Amino acid sequence: MKNKVERSIQIHFRVTQKEYKTIKEKAAESGLSISEFSRRILMDGKVLAAPPVDFYTLLWQIKRVGSNLDQLLRKLNAFGIAYSLDLERCEDDIHEMRRLMIESFITDKGSTNGSN
């Protein structure tokens, strides 16, 4: 369970309507409140954008397809029925697709900073 941090000090500053709109949009993109977004930007200089809602479902489906393909490959190889090289290429493609999905949301590509 996460420890609740007591934040007792308030910081006030003024922004223009345009600046507020931009801050609000960037906070929404990251899936954070304006307060949490501002704290992270001020402390770390960057915030990762939230992945699309169905990202984890899609990632799970890709993993499941890869696992099924791996099981199929093992069975077909045991009987010598399939061209294992073709199936291995399919499996490699699935692993590469999964890697690219993860990389696109875990690295700085999905980050938001004060200059974006």
PDB file of N, CA and C in Angstrom:
ATOM      1  N   MET A   1       0.835  -1.175   0.000  1.00  0.00           N
ATOM      2  CA  MET A   1       0.000   0.000   0.000  1.00  0.00           C
ATOM      3  C   MET A   1       0.881   1.240   0.000  1.00  0.00           C
ATOM      4  N   LYS A   2       0.515   2.217  -0.816  1.00  0.00           N
ATOM      5  CA  LYS A   2       1.284   3.441  -0.918  1.00  0.00           C
ATOM      6  C   LYS A   2       1.077   4.306   0.305  1.00  0.00           C
ATOM      7  N   ASN A   3       2.176   4.857   0.815  1.00  0.00           N
ATOM      8  CA  ASN A   3       2.066   5.783   1.937  1.00  0.00           C
ATOM      9  C   ASN A   3       1.496   7.107   1.437  1.00  0.00           C
ATOM     10  N   LYS A   4       0.526   7.630   2.156  1.00  0.00           N
ATOM     11  CA  LYS A   4      -0.061   8.918   1.787  1.00  0.00           C
ATOM     12  C   LYS A   4       0.883  10.019   2.252  1.00  0.00           C
ATOM     13  N   VAL A   5       1.274  10.880   1.324  1.00  0.00           N
ATOM     14  CA  VAL A   5       2.175  11.978   1.626  1.00  0.00           C
ATOM     15  C   VAL A   5       1.329  13.190   2.011  1.00  0.00           C
ATOM     16  N   GLU A   6       1.644  13.776   3.148  1.00  0.00           N
ATOM     17  CA  GLU A   6       0.919  14.967   3.572  1.00  0.00           C
ATOM     18  C   GLU A   6       1.596  16.189   2.970  1.00  0.00           C
ATOM     19  N   ARG A   7       0.876  16.861   2.120  1.00  0.00           N
ATOM     20  CA  ARG A   7       1.398  18.063   1.486  1.00  0.00           C
ATOM     21  C   ARG A   7       0.706  19.265   2.123  1.00  0.00           C
ATOM     22  N   SER A   8       1.424  19.975   2.963  1.00  0.00           N
ATOM     23  CA  SER A   8       0.821  21.073   3.709  1.00  0.00           C
ATOM     24  C   SER A   8       1.199  22.455   3.179  1.00  0.00           C
ATOM     25  N   ILE A   9       2.159  22.520   2.285  1.00  0.00           N
ATOM     26  CA  ILE A   9       2.611  23.807   1.760  1.00  0.00           C
ATOM     27  C   ILE A   9       2.007  24.020   0.377  1.00  0.00           C
ATOM     28  N   GLN A  10       1.439  25.199   0.178  1.00  0.00           N
ATOM     29  CA  GLN A  10       0.856  25.547  -1.116  1.00  0.00           C
ATOM     30  C   GLN A  10       1.769  26.515  -1.844  1.00  0.00           C
ATOM     31  N   ILE A  11       1.865  26.357  -3.153  1.00  0.00           N
ATOM     32  CA  ILE A  11       2.612  27.284  -4.001  1.00  0.00           C
ATOM     33  C   ILE A  11       1.597  27.877  -4.978  1.00  0.00           C
ATOM     34  N   HIS A  12       1.551  29.171  -5.039  1.00  0.00           N
ATOM     35  CA  HIS A  12       0.614  29.852  -5.932  1.00  0.00           C
ATOM     36  C   HIS A  12       1.392  30.616  -6.994  1.00  0.00           C
ATOM     37  N   PHE A  13       0.946  30.525  -8.230  1.00  0.00           N
ATOM     38  CA  PHE A  13       1.505  31.355  -9.286  1.00  0.00           C
ATOM     39  C   PHE A  13       0.444  31.556 -10.350  1.00  0.00           C
ATOM     40  N   ARG A  14       0.600  32.596 -11.102  1.00  0.00           N
ATOM     41  CA  ARG A  14      -0.398  32.955 -12.103  1.00  0.00           C
ATOM     42  C   ARG A  14       0.070  32.546 -13.496  1.00  0.00           C
ATOM     43  N   VAL A  15      -0.906  32.152 -14.311  1.00  0.00           N
ATOM     44  CA  VAL A  15      -0.651  31.802 -15.706  1.00  0.00           C
ATOM     45  C   VAL A  15      -1.722  32.459 -16.564  1.00  0.00           C
ATOM     46  N   THR A  16      -1.435  32.566 -17.833  1.00  0.00           N
ATOM     47  CA  THR A  16      -2.439  33.091 -18.754  1.00  0.00           C
ATOM     48  C   THR A  16      -3.450  31.996 -19.060  1.00  0.00           C
ATOM     49  N   GLN A  17      -4.548  32.371 -19.682  1.00  0.00           N
ATOM     50  CA  GLN A  17      -5.564  31.394 -20.074  1.00  0.00           C
ATOM     51  C   GLN A  17      -4.960  30.353 -21.029  1.00  0.00           C
ATOM     52  N   LYS A  18      -4.122  30.812 -21.947  1.00  0.00           N
ATOM     53  CA  LYS A  18      -3.472  29.913 -22.914  1.00  0.00           C
ATOM     54  C   LYS A  18      -2.520  28.943 -22.199  1.00  0.00           C
ATOM     55  N   GLU A  19      -1.736  29.467 -21.259  1.00  0.00           N
ATOM     56  CA  GLU A  19      -0.819  28.607 -20.505  1.00  0.00           C
ATOM     57  C   GLU A  19      -1.584  27.571 -19.695  1.00  0.00           C
ATOM     58  N   TYR A  20      -2.679  28.010 -19.069  1.00  0.00           N
ATOM     59  CA  TYR A  20      -3.498  27.077 -18.284  1.00  0.00           C
ATOM     60  C   TYR A  20      -4.054  25.965 -19.169  1.00  0.00           C
ATOM     61  N   LYS A  21      -4.541  26.342 -20.343  1.00  0.00           N
ATOM     62  CA  LYS A  21      -5.092  25.347 -21.279  1.00  0.00           C
ATOM     63  C   LYS A  21      -4.024  24.319 -21.664  1.00  0.00           C
ATOM     64  N   THR A  22      -2.814  24.810 -21.945  1.00  0.00           N
ATOM     65  CA  THR A  22      -1.710  23.913 -22.314  1.00  0.00           C
ATOM     66  C   THR A  22      -1.344  22.986 -21.162  1.00  0.00           C
ATOM     67  N   ILE A  23      -1.230  23.525 -19.968  1.00  0.00           N
ATOM     68  CA  ILE A  23      -0.898  22.713 -18.782  1.00  0.00           C
ATOM     69  C   ILE A  23      -1.981  21.665 -18.553  1.00  0.00           C
ATOM     70  N   LYS A  24      -3.224  22.078 -18.648  1.00  0.00           N
ATOM     71  CA  LYS A  24      -4.353  21.167 -18.444  1.00  0.00           C
ATOM     72  C   LYS A  24      -4.344  20.036 -19.473  1.00  0.00           C
ATOM     73  N   GLU A  25      -4.085  20.363 -20.743  1.00  0.00           N
ATOM     74  CA  GLU A  25      -4.032  19.352 -21.806  1.00  0.00           C
ATOM     75  C   GLU A  25      -2.890  18.365 -21.585  1.00  0.00           C
ATOM     76  N   LYS A  26      -1.719  18.880 -21.216  1.00  0.00           N
ATOM     77  CA  LYS A  26      -0.563  17.999 -20.992  1.00  0.00           C
ATOM     78  C   LYS A  26      -0.784  17.102 -19.777  1.00  0.00           C
ATOM     79  N   ALA A  27      -1.412  17.638 -18.746  1.00  0.00           N
ATOM     80  CA  ALA A  27      -1.727  16.818 -17.571  1.00  0.00           C
ATOM     81  C   ALA A  27      -2.695  15.708 -17.962  1.00  0.00           C
ATOM     82  N   ALA A  28      -3.711  16.034 -18.762  1.00  0.00           N
ATOM     83  CA  ALA A  28      -4.682  15.029 -19.206  1.00  0.00           C
ATOM     84  C   ALA A  28      -4.010  13.952 -20.059  1.00  0.00           C
ATOM     85  N   GLU A  29      -3.088  14.354 -20.940  1.00  0.00           N
ATOM     86  CA  GLU A  29      -2.350  13.388 -21.771  1.00  0.00           C
ATOM     87  C   GLU A  29      -1.568  12.406 -20.913  1.00  0.00           C
ATOM     88  N   SER A  30      -1.060  12.879 -19.796  1.00  0.00           N
ATOM     89  CA  SER A  30      -0.246  12.033 -18.917  1.00  0.00           C
ATOM     90  C   SER A  30      -1.098  11.200 -17.968  1.00  0.00           C
ATOM     91  N   GLY A  31      -2.398  11.522 -17.889  1.00  0.00           N
ATOM     92  CA  GLY A  31      -3.278  10.796 -16.977  1.00  0.00           C
ATOM     93  C   GLY A  31      -3.135  11.253 -15.528  1.00  0.00           C
ATOM     94  N   LEU A  32      -2.558  12.438 -15.318  1.00  0.00           N
ATOM     95  CA  LEU A  32      -2.316  12.953 -13.972  1.00  0.00           C
ATOM     96  C   LEU A  32      -3.167  14.195 -13.712  1.00  0.00           C
ATOM     97  N   SER A  33      -3.345  14.499 -12.440  1.00  0.00           N
ATOM     98  CA  SER A  33      -3.981  15.767 -12.080  1.00  0.00           C
ATOM     99  C   SER A  33      -3.003  16.886 -12.410  1.00  0.00           C
ATOM    100  N   ILE A  34      -3.515  18.101 -12.491  1.00  0.00           N
ATOM    101  CA  ILE A  34      -2.643  19.247 -12.761  1.00  0.00           C
ATOM    102  C   ILE A  34      -1.593  19.376 -11.654  1.00  0.00           C
ATOM    103  N   SER A  35      -1.983  19.157 -10.403  1.00  0.00           N
ATOM    104  CA  SER A  35      -1.035  19.256  -9.285  1.00  0.00           C
ATOM    105  C   SER A  35       0.086  18.222  -9.411  1.00  0.00           C
ATOM    106  N   GLU A  36      -0.291  16.966  -9.654  1.00  0.00           N
ATOM    107  CA  GLU A  36       0.728  15.909  -9.747  1.00  0.00           C
ATOM    108  C   GLU A  36       1.604  16.119 -10.969  1.00  0.00           C
ATOM    109  N   PHE A  37       0.994  16.505 -12.087  1.00  0.00           N
ATOM    110  CA  PHE A  37       1.754  16.789 -13.305  1.00  0.00           C
ATOM    111  C   PHE A  37       2.784  17.893 -13.033  1.00  0.00           C
ATOM    112  N   SER A  38       2.338  18.986 -12.391  1.00  0.00           N
ATOM    113  CA  SER A  38       3.231  20.112 -12.100  1.00  0.00           C
ATOM    114  C   SER A  38       4.366  19.696 -11.180  1.00  0.00           C
ATOM    115  N   ARG A  39       4.055  18.909 -10.134  1.00  0.00           N
ATOM    116  CA  ARG A  39       5.112  18.433  -9.229  1.00  0.00           C
ATOM    117  C   ARG A  39       6.152  17.621  -9.987  1.00  0.00           C
ATOM    118  N   ARG A  40       5.690  16.714 -10.829  1.00  0.00           N
ATOM    119  CA  ARG A  40       6.649  15.863 -11.563  1.00  0.00           C
ATOM    120  C   ARG A  40       7.492  16.667 -12.537  1.00  0.00           C
ATOM    121  N   ILE A  41       6.879  17.623 -13.234  1.00  0.00           N
ATOM    122  CA  ILE A  41       7.643  18.469 -14.161  1.00  0.00           C
ATOM    123  C   ILE A  41       8.685  19.273 -13.387  1.00  0.00           C
ATOM    124  N   LEU A  42       8.284  19.856 -12.275  1.00  0.00           N
ATOM    125  CA  LEU A  42       9.207  20.677 -11.494  1.00  0.00           C
ATOM    126  C   LEU A  42      10.321  19.855 -10.852  1.00  0.00           C
ATOM    127  N   MET A  43      10.023  18.644 -10.419  1.00  0.00           N
ATOM    128  CA  MET A  43      11.023  17.820  -9.736  1.00  0.00           C
ATOM    129  C   MET A  43      11.909  17.039 -10.704  1.00  0.00           C
ATOM    130  N   ASP A  44      11.306  16.476 -11.759  1.00  0.00           N
ATOM    131  CA  ASP A  44      12.040  15.590 -12.666  1.00  0.00           C
ATOM    132  C   ASP A  44      12.279  16.179 -14.052  1.00  0.00           C
ATOM    133  N   GLY A  45      11.508  17.160 -14.434  1.00  0.00           N
ATOM    134  CA  GLY A  45      11.668  17.763 -15.746  1.00  0.00           C
ATOM    135  C   GLY A  45      10.940  17.042 -16.867  1.00  0.00           C
ATOM    136  N   LYS A  46      10.298  15.907 -16.576  1.00  0.00           N
ATOM    137  CA  LYS A  46       9.560  15.198 -17.616  1.00  0.00           C
ATOM    138  C   LYS A  46       8.483  14.313 -16.995  1.00  0.00           C
ATOM    139  N   VAL A  47       7.486  14.006 -17.814  1.00  0.00           N
ATOM    140  CA  VAL A  47       6.386  13.137 -17.406  1.00  0.00           C
ATOM    141  C   VAL A  47       6.067  12.236 -18.585  1.00  0.00           C
ATOM    142  N   LEU A  48       5.928  10.943 -18.334  1.00  0.00           N
ATOM    143  CA  LEU A  48       5.561  10.015 -19.408  1.00  0.00           C
ATOM    144  C   LEU A  48       4.075  10.139 -19.705  1.00  0.00           C
ATOM    145  N   ALA A  49       3.750  10.147 -20.984  1.00  0.00           N
ATOM    146  CA  ALA A  49       2.348  10.176 -21.387  1.00  0.00           C
ATOM    147  C   ALA A  49       1.700   8.841 -21.036  1.00  0.00           C
ATOM    148  N   ALA A  50       0.438   8.898 -20.680  1.00  0.00           N
ATOM    149  CA  ALA A  50      -0.297   7.670 -20.364  1.00  0.00           C
ATOM    150  C   ALA A  50      -0.535   6.893 -21.655  1.00  0.00           C
ATOM    151  N   PRO A  51      -0.377   5.562 -21.630  1.00  0.00           N
ATOM    152  CA  PRO A  51      -0.656   4.780 -22.832  1.00  0.00           C
ATOM    153  C   PRO A  51      -2.159   4.776 -23.115  1.00  0.00           C
ATOM    154  N   PRO A  52      -2.542   4.458 -24.359  1.00  0.00           N
ATOM    155  CA  PRO A  52      -3.964   4.364 -24.677  1.00  0.00           C
ATOM    156  C   PRO A  52      -4.654   3.356 -23.754  1.00  0.00           C
ATOM    157  N   VAL A  53      -5.940   3.535 -23.564  1.00  0.00           N
ATOM    158  CA  VAL A  53      -6.704   2.698 -22.646  1.00  0.00           C
ATOM    159  C   VAL A  53      -6.535   1.209 -22.947  1.00  0.00           C
ATOM    160  N   ASP A  54      -6.538   0.846 -24.215  1.00  0.00           N
ATOM    161  CA  ASP A  54      -6.477  -0.575 -24.584  1.00  0.00           C
ATOM    162  C   ASP A  54      -5.051  -1.086 -24.771  1.00  0.00           C
ATOM    163  N   PHE A  55      -4.044  -0.304 -24.405  1.00  0.00           N
ATOM    164  CA  PHE A  55      -2.645  -0.698 -24.586  1.00  0.00           C
ATOM    165  C   PHE A  55      -2.333  -2.026 -23.906  1.00  0.00           C
ATOM    166  N   TYR A  56      -2.692  -2.154 -22.629  1.00  0.00           N
ATOM    167  CA  TYR A  56      -2.342  -3.357 -21.879  1.00  0.00           C
ATOM    168  C   TYR A  56      -3.136  -4.573 -22.351  1.00  0.00           C
ATOM    169  N   THR A  57      -4.366  -4.357 -22.805  1.00  0.00           N
ATOM    170  CA  THR A  57      -5.159  -5.456 -23.372  1.00  0.00           C
ATOM    171  C   THR A  57      -4.502  -5.949 -24.649  1.00  0.00           C
ATOM    172  N   LEU A  58      -4.098  -5.018 -25.511  1.00  0.00           N
ATOM    173  CA  LEU A  58      -3.433  -5.378 -26.757  1.00  0.00           C
ATOM    174  C   LEU A  58      -2.108  -6.076 -26.488  1.00  0.00           C
ATOM    175  N   LEU A  59      -1.358  -5.568 -25.537  1.00  0.00           N
ATOM    176  CA  LEU A  59      -0.077  -6.179 -25.181  1.00  0.00           C
ATOM    177  C   LEU A  59      -0.286  -7.613 -24.685  1.00  0.00           C
ATOM    178  N   TRP A  60      -1.310  -7.818 -23.856  1.00  0.00           N
ATOM    179  CA  TRP A  60      -1.621  -9.157 -23.350  1.00  0.00           C
ATOM    180  C   TRP A  60      -2.003 -10.086 -24.511  1.00  0.00           C
ATOM    181  N   GLN A  61      -2.804  -9.586 -25.465  1.00  0.00           N
ATOM    182  CA  GLN A  61      -3.217 -10.398 -26.612  1.00  0.00           C
ATOM    183  C   GLN A  61      -2.008 -10.809 -27.456  1.00  0.00           C
ATOM    184  N   ILE A  62      -1.096  -9.876 -27.693  1.00  0.00           N
ATOM    185  CA  ILE A  62       0.113 -10.191 -28.475  1.00  0.00           C
ATOM    186  C   ILE A  62       0.939 -11.249 -27.757  1.00  0.00           C
ATOM    187  N   LYS A  63       1.072 -11.110 -26.450  1.00  0.00           N
ATOM    188  CA  LYS A  63       1.829 -12.098 -25.665  1.00  0.00           C
ATOM    189  C   LYS A  63       1.164 -13.474 -25.759  1.00  0.00           C
ATOM    190  N   ARG A  64      -0.161 -13.490 -25.692  1.00  0.00           N
ATOM    191  CA  ARG A  64      -0.908 -14.749 -25.761  1.00  0.00           C
ATOM    192  C   ARG A  64      -0.740 -15.418 -27.134  1.00  0.00           C
ATOM    193  N   VAL A  65      -0.802 -14.623 -28.205  1.00  0.00           N
ATOM    194  CA  VAL A  65      -0.619 -15.163 -29.556  1.00  0.00           C
ATOM    195  C   VAL A  65       0.789 -15.727 -29.690  1.00  0.00           C
ATOM    196  N   GLY A  66       1.780 -15.002 -29.170  1.00  0.00           N
ATOM    197  CA  GLY A  66       3.158 -15.487 -29.221  1.00  0.00           C
ATOM    198  C   GLY A  66       3.324 -16.795 -28.471  1.00  0.00           C
ATOM    199  N   SER A  67       2.686 -16.898 -27.321  1.00  0.00           N
ATOM    200  CA  SER A  67       2.759 -18.118 -26.528  1.00  0.00           C
ATOM    201  C   SER A  67       2.102 -19.291 -27.264  1.00  0.00           C
ATOM    202  N   ASN A  68       0.938 -19.038 -27.868  1.00  0.00           N
ATOM    203  CA  ASN A  68       0.262 -20.090 -28.638  1.00  0.00           C
ATOM    204  C   ASN A  68       1.096 -20.523 -29.833  1.00  0.00           C
ATOM    205  N   LEU A  69       1.699 -19.568 -30.512  1.00  0.00           N
ATOM    206  CA  LEU A  69       2.547 -19.894 -31.657  1.00  0.00           C
ATOM    207  C   LEU A  69       3.758 -20.715 -31.217  1.00  0.00           C
ATOM    208  N   ASP A  70       4.319 -20.365 -30.073  1.00  0.00           N
ATOM    209  CA  ASP A  70       5.459 -21.116 -29.547  1.00  0.00           C
ATOM    210  C   ASP A  70       5.073 -22.571 -29.247  1.00  0.00           C
ATOM    211  N   GLN A  71       3.903 -22.770 -28.643  1.00  0.00           N
ATOM    212  CA  GLN A  71       3.427 -24.129 -28.359  1.00  0.00           C
ATOM    213  C   GLN A  71       3.198 -24.907 -29.653  1.00  0.00           C
ATOM    214  N   LEU A  72       2.594 -24.245 -30.630  1.00  0.00           N
ATOM    215  CA  LEU A  72       2.348 -24.891 -31.927  1.00  0.00           C
ATOM    216  C   LEU A  72       3.654 -25.268 -32.603  1.00  0.00           C
ATOM    217  N   LEU A  73       4.604 -24.354 -32.563  1.00  0.00           N
ATOM    218  CA  LEU A  73       5.909 -24.614 -33.169  1.00  0.00           C
ATOM    219  C   LEU A  73       6.579 -25.836 -32.547  1.00  0.00           C
ATOM    220  N   ARG A  74       6.516 -25.943 -31.234  1.00  0.00           N
ATOM    221  CA  ARG A  74       7.120 -27.083 -30.540  1.00  0.00           C
ATOM    222  C   ARG A  74       6.460 -28.404 -30.959  1.00  0.00           C
ATOM    223  N   LYS A  75       5.131 -28.411 -31.027  1.00  0.00           N
ATOM    224  CA  LYS A  75       4.415 -29.637 -31.402  1.00  0.00           C
ATOM    225  C   LYS A  75       4.705 -30.039 -32.846  1.00  0.00           C
ATOM    226  N   LEU A  76       4.669 -29.057 -33.753  1.00  0.00           N
ATOM    227  CA  LEU A  76       4.930 -29.358 -35.161  1.00  0.00           C
ATOM    228  C   LEU A  76       6.370 -29.808 -35.370  1.00  0.00           C
ATOM    229  N   ASN A  77       7.285 -29.214 -34.665  1.00  0.00           N
ATOM    230  CA  ASN A  77       8.686 -29.638 -34.770  1.00  0.00           C
ATOM    231  C   ASN A  77       8.865 -31.060 -34.249  1.00  0.00           C
ATOM    232  N   ALA A  78       8.122 -31.411 -33.216  1.00  0.00           N
ATOM    233  CA  ALA A  78       8.229 -32.758 -32.657  1.00  0.00           C
ATOM    234  C   ALA A  78       7.811 -33.811 -33.680  1.00  0.00           C
ATOM    235  N   PHE A  79       6.833 -33.464 -34.522  1.00  0.00           N
ATOM    236  CA  PHE A  79       6.371 -34.399 -35.552  1.00  0.00           C
ATOM    237  C   PHE A  79       7.048 -34.172 -36.896  1.00  0.00           C
ATOM    238  N   GLY A  80       7.864 -33.133 -37.002  1.00  0.00           N
ATOM    239  CA  GLY A  80       8.565 -32.849 -38.251  1.00  0.00           C
ATOM    240  C   GLY A  80       7.632 -32.429 -39.364  1.00  0.00           C
ATOM    241  N   ILE A  81       6.511 -31.812 -39.039  1.00  0.00           N
ATOM    242  CA  ILE A  81       5.492 -31.478 -40.039  1.00  0.00           C
ATOM    243  C   ILE A  81       5.716 -30.106 -40.663  1.00  0.00           C
ATOM    244  N   ALA A  82       6.093 -29.125 -39.889  1.00  0.00           N
ATOM    245  CA  ALA A  82       6.112 -27.742 -40.365  1.00  0.00           C
ATOM    246  C   ALA A  82       7.505 -27.296 -40.756  1.00  0.00           C
ATOM    247  N   TYR A  83       7.508 -26.228 -41.515  1.00  0.00           N
ATOM    248  CA  TYR A  83       8.763 -25.572 -41.830  1.00  0.00           C
ATOM    249  C   TYR A  83       9.088 -24.677 -40.644  1.00  0.00           C
ATOM    250  N   SER A  84       9.917 -25.164 -39.780  1.00  0.00           N
ATOM    251  CA  SER A  84      10.156 -24.459 -38.515  1.00  0.00           C
ATOM    252  C   SER A  84      10.740 -23.068 -38.722  1.00  0.00           C
ATOM    253  N   LEU A  85      11.503 -22.885 -39.791  1.00  0.00           N
ATOM    254  CA  LEU A  85      12.113 -21.584 -40.026  1.00  0.00           C
ATOM    255  C   LEU A  85      11.042 -20.513 -40.265  1.00  0.00           C
ATOM    256  N   ASP A  86       9.988 -20.848 -41.032  1.00  0.00           N
ATOM    257  CA  ASP A  86       8.900 -19.897 -41.280  1.00  0.00           C
ATOM    258  C   ASP A  86       8.161 -19.562 -39.990  1.00  0.00           C
ATOM    259  N   LEU A  87       7.889 -20.561 -39.172  1.00  0.00           N
ATOM    260  CA  LEU A  87       7.186 -20.330 -37.922  1.00  0.00           C
ATOM    261  C   LEU A  87       8.036 -19.514 -36.949  1.00  0.00           C
ATOM    262  N   GLU A  88       9.323 -19.769 -36.949  1.00  0.00           N
ATOM    263  CA  GLU A  88      10.208 -19.002 -36.076  1.00  0.00           C
ATOM    264  C   GLU A  88      10.243 -17.537 -36.489  1.00  0.00           C
ATOM    265  N   ARG A  89      10.171 -17.279 -37.807  1.00  0.00           N
ATOM    266  CA  ARG A  89      10.125 -15.896 -38.280  1.00  0.00           C
ATOM    267  C   ARG A  89       8.845 -15.212 -37.797  1.00  0.00           C
ATOM    268  N   CYS A  90       7.720 -15.930 -37.837  1.00  0.00           N
ATOM    269  CA  CYS A  90       6.453 -15.377 -37.335  1.00  0.00           C
ATOM    270  C   CYS A  90       6.565 -15.058 -35.853  1.00  0.00           C
ATOM    271  N   GLU A  91       7.149 -15.956 -35.122  1.00  0.00           N
ATOM    272  CA  GLU A  91       7.325 -15.750 -33.686  1.00  0.00           C
ATOM    273  C   GLU A  91       8.227 -14.547 -33.425  1.00  0.00           C
ATOM    274  N   ASP A  92       9.293 -14.417 -34.205  1.00  0.00           N
ATOM    275  CA  ASP A  92      10.188 -13.262 -34.065  1.00  0.00           C
ATOM    276  C   ASP A  92       9.449 -11.956 -34.357  1.00  0.00           C
ATOM    277  N   ASP A  93       8.577 -11.975 -35.370  1.00  0.00           N
ATOM    278  CA  ASP A  93       7.794 -10.784 -35.702  1.00  0.00           C
ATOM    279  C   ASP A  93       6.887 -10.385 -34.544  1.00  0.00           C
ATOM    280  N   ILE A  94       6.269 -11.361 -33.904  1.00  0.00           N
ATOM    281  CA  ILE A  94       5.390 -11.078 -32.769  1.00  0.00           C
ATOM    282  C   ILE A  94       6.188 -10.486 -31.609  1.00  0.00           C
ATOM    283  N   HIS A  95       7.344 -11.055 -31.336  1.00  0.00           N
ATOM    284  CA  HIS A  95       8.190 -10.522 -30.263  1.00  0.00           C
ATOM    285  C   HIS A  95       8.653  -9.094 -30.581  1.00  0.00           C
ATOM    286  N   GLU A  96       8.963  -8.825 -31.848  1.00  0.00           N
ATOM    287  CA  GLU A  96       9.389  -7.489 -32.249  1.00  0.00           C
ATOM    288  C   GLU A  96       8.231  -6.489 -32.111  1.00  0.00           C
ATOM    289  N   MET A  97       7.023  -6.900 -32.477  1.00  0.00           N
ATOM    290  CA  MET A  97       5.850  -6.042 -32.345  1.00  0.00           C
ATOM    291  C   MET A  97       5.616  -5.691 -30.877  1.00  0.00           C
ATOM    292  N   ARG A  98       5.729  -6.670 -30.016  1.00  0.00           N
ATOM    293  CA  ARG A  98       5.547  -6.448 -28.577  1.00  0.00           C
ATOM    294  C   ARG A  98       6.625  -5.503 -28.039  1.00  0.00           C
ATOM    295  N   ARG A  99       7.862  -5.702 -28.457  1.00  0.00           N
ATOM    296  CA  ARG A  99       8.968  -4.853 -28.022  1.00  0.00           C
ATOM    297  C   ARG A  99       8.743  -3.404 -28.455  1.00  0.00           C
ATOM    298  N   LEU A 100       8.303  -3.205 -29.687  1.00  0.00           N
ATOM    299  CA  LEU A 100       8.072  -1.853 -30.187  1.00  0.00           C
ATOM    300  C   LEU A 100       6.936  -1.156 -29.435  1.00  0.00           C
ATOM    301  N   MET A 101       5.885  -1.913 -29.105  1.00  0.00           N
ATOM    302  CA  MET A 101       4.781  -1.340 -28.340  1.00  0.00           C
ATOM    303  C   MET A 101       5.262  -0.866 -26.978  1.00  0.00           C
ATOM    304  N   ILE A 102       6.010  -1.723 -26.304  1.00  0.00           N
ATOM    305  CA  ILE A 102       6.508  -1.377 -24.968  1.00  0.00           C
ATOM    306  C   ILE A 102       7.462  -0.190 -25.067  1.00  0.00           C
ATOM    307  N   GLU A 103       8.361  -0.235 -26.027  1.00  0.00           N
ATOM    308  CA  GLU A 103       9.352   0.825 -26.179  1.00  0.00           C
ATOM    309  C   GLU A 103       8.685   2.175 -26.447  1.00  0.00           C
ATOM    310  N   SER A 104       7.607   2.179 -27.202  1.00  0.00           N
ATOM    311  CA  SER A 104       6.961   3.442 -27.552  1.00  0.00           C
ATOM    312  C   SER A 104       6.322   4.124 -26.350  1.00  0.00           C
ATOM    313  N   PHE A 105       6.023   3.395 -25.275  1.00  0.00           N
ATOM    314  CA  PHE A 105       5.401   4.006 -24.115  1.00  0.00           C
ATOM    315  C   PHE A 105       6.273   4.019 -22.869  1.00  0.00           C
ATOM    316  N   ILE A 106       7.394   3.321 -22.891  1.00  0.00           N
ATOM    317  CA  ILE A 106       8.237   3.263 -21.704  1.00  0.00           C
ATOM    318  C   ILE A 106       9.427   4.214 -21.839  1.00  0.00           C
ATOM    319  N   THR A 107       9.887   4.483 -23.036  1.00  0.00           N
ATOM    320  CA  THR A 107      11.053   5.353 -23.219  1.00  0.00           C
ATOM    321  C   THR A 107      10.633   6.802 -23.283  1.00  0.00           C
ATOM    322  N   ASP A 108      11.558   7.684 -23.504  1.00  0.00           N
ATOM    323  CA  ASP A 108      11.298   9.123 -23.557  1.00  0.00           C
ATOM    324  C   ASP A 108      10.400   9.529 -24.720  1.00  0.00           C
ATOM    325  N   LYS A 109      10.141   8.620 -25.668  1.00  0.00           N
ATOM    326  CA  LYS A 109       9.270   8.956 -26.785  1.00  0.00           C
ATOM    327  C   LYS A 109       7.894   9.354 -26.305  1.00  0.00           C
ATOM    328  N   GLY A 110       7.458   8.777 -25.187  1.00  0.00           N
ATOM    329  CA  GLY A 110       6.135   9.096 -24.661  1.00  0.00           C
ATOM    330  C   GLY A 110       6.179  10.137 -23.562  1.00  0.00           C
ATOM    331  N   SER A 111       7.260  10.935 -23.510  1.00  0.00           N
ATOM    332  CA  SER A 111       7.364  11.880 -22.397  1.00  0.00           C
ATOM    333  C   SER A 111       6.851  13.258 -22.800  1.00  0.00           C
ATOM    334  N   THR A 112       6.453  13.966 -21.785  1.00  0.00           N
ATOM    335  CA  THR A 112       6.012  15.336 -21.943  1.00  0.00           C
ATOM    336  C   THR A 112       6.902  16.182 -21.052  1.00  0.00           C
ATOM    337  N   ASN A 113       7.462  17.239 -21.601  1.00  0.00           N
ATOM    338  CA  ASN A 113       8.226  18.153 -20.749  1.00  0.00           C
ATOM    339  C   ASN A 113       7.736  19.576 -20.979  1.00  0.00           C
ATOM    340  N   GLY A 114       8.303  20.496 -20.279  1.00  0.00           N
ATOM    341  CA  GLY A 114       7.836  21.871 -20.339  1.00  0.00           C
ATOM    342  C   GLY A 114       7.903  22.497 -21.719  1.00  0.00           C
ATOM    343  N   SER A 115       8.716  21.967 -22.628  1.00  0.00           N
ATOM    344  CA  SER A 115       8.868  22.583 -23.943  1.00  0.00           C
ATOM    345  C   SER A 115       7.981  21.972 -25.008  1.00  0.00           C
ATOM    346  N   ASN A 116       7.306  20.854 -24.714  1.00  0.00           N
ATOM    347  CA  ASN A 116       6.448  20.210 -25.717  1.00  0.00           C
ATOM    348  C   ASN A 116       5.233  21.029 -26.015  1.00  0.00           C
TER     349      ASN A 116
END
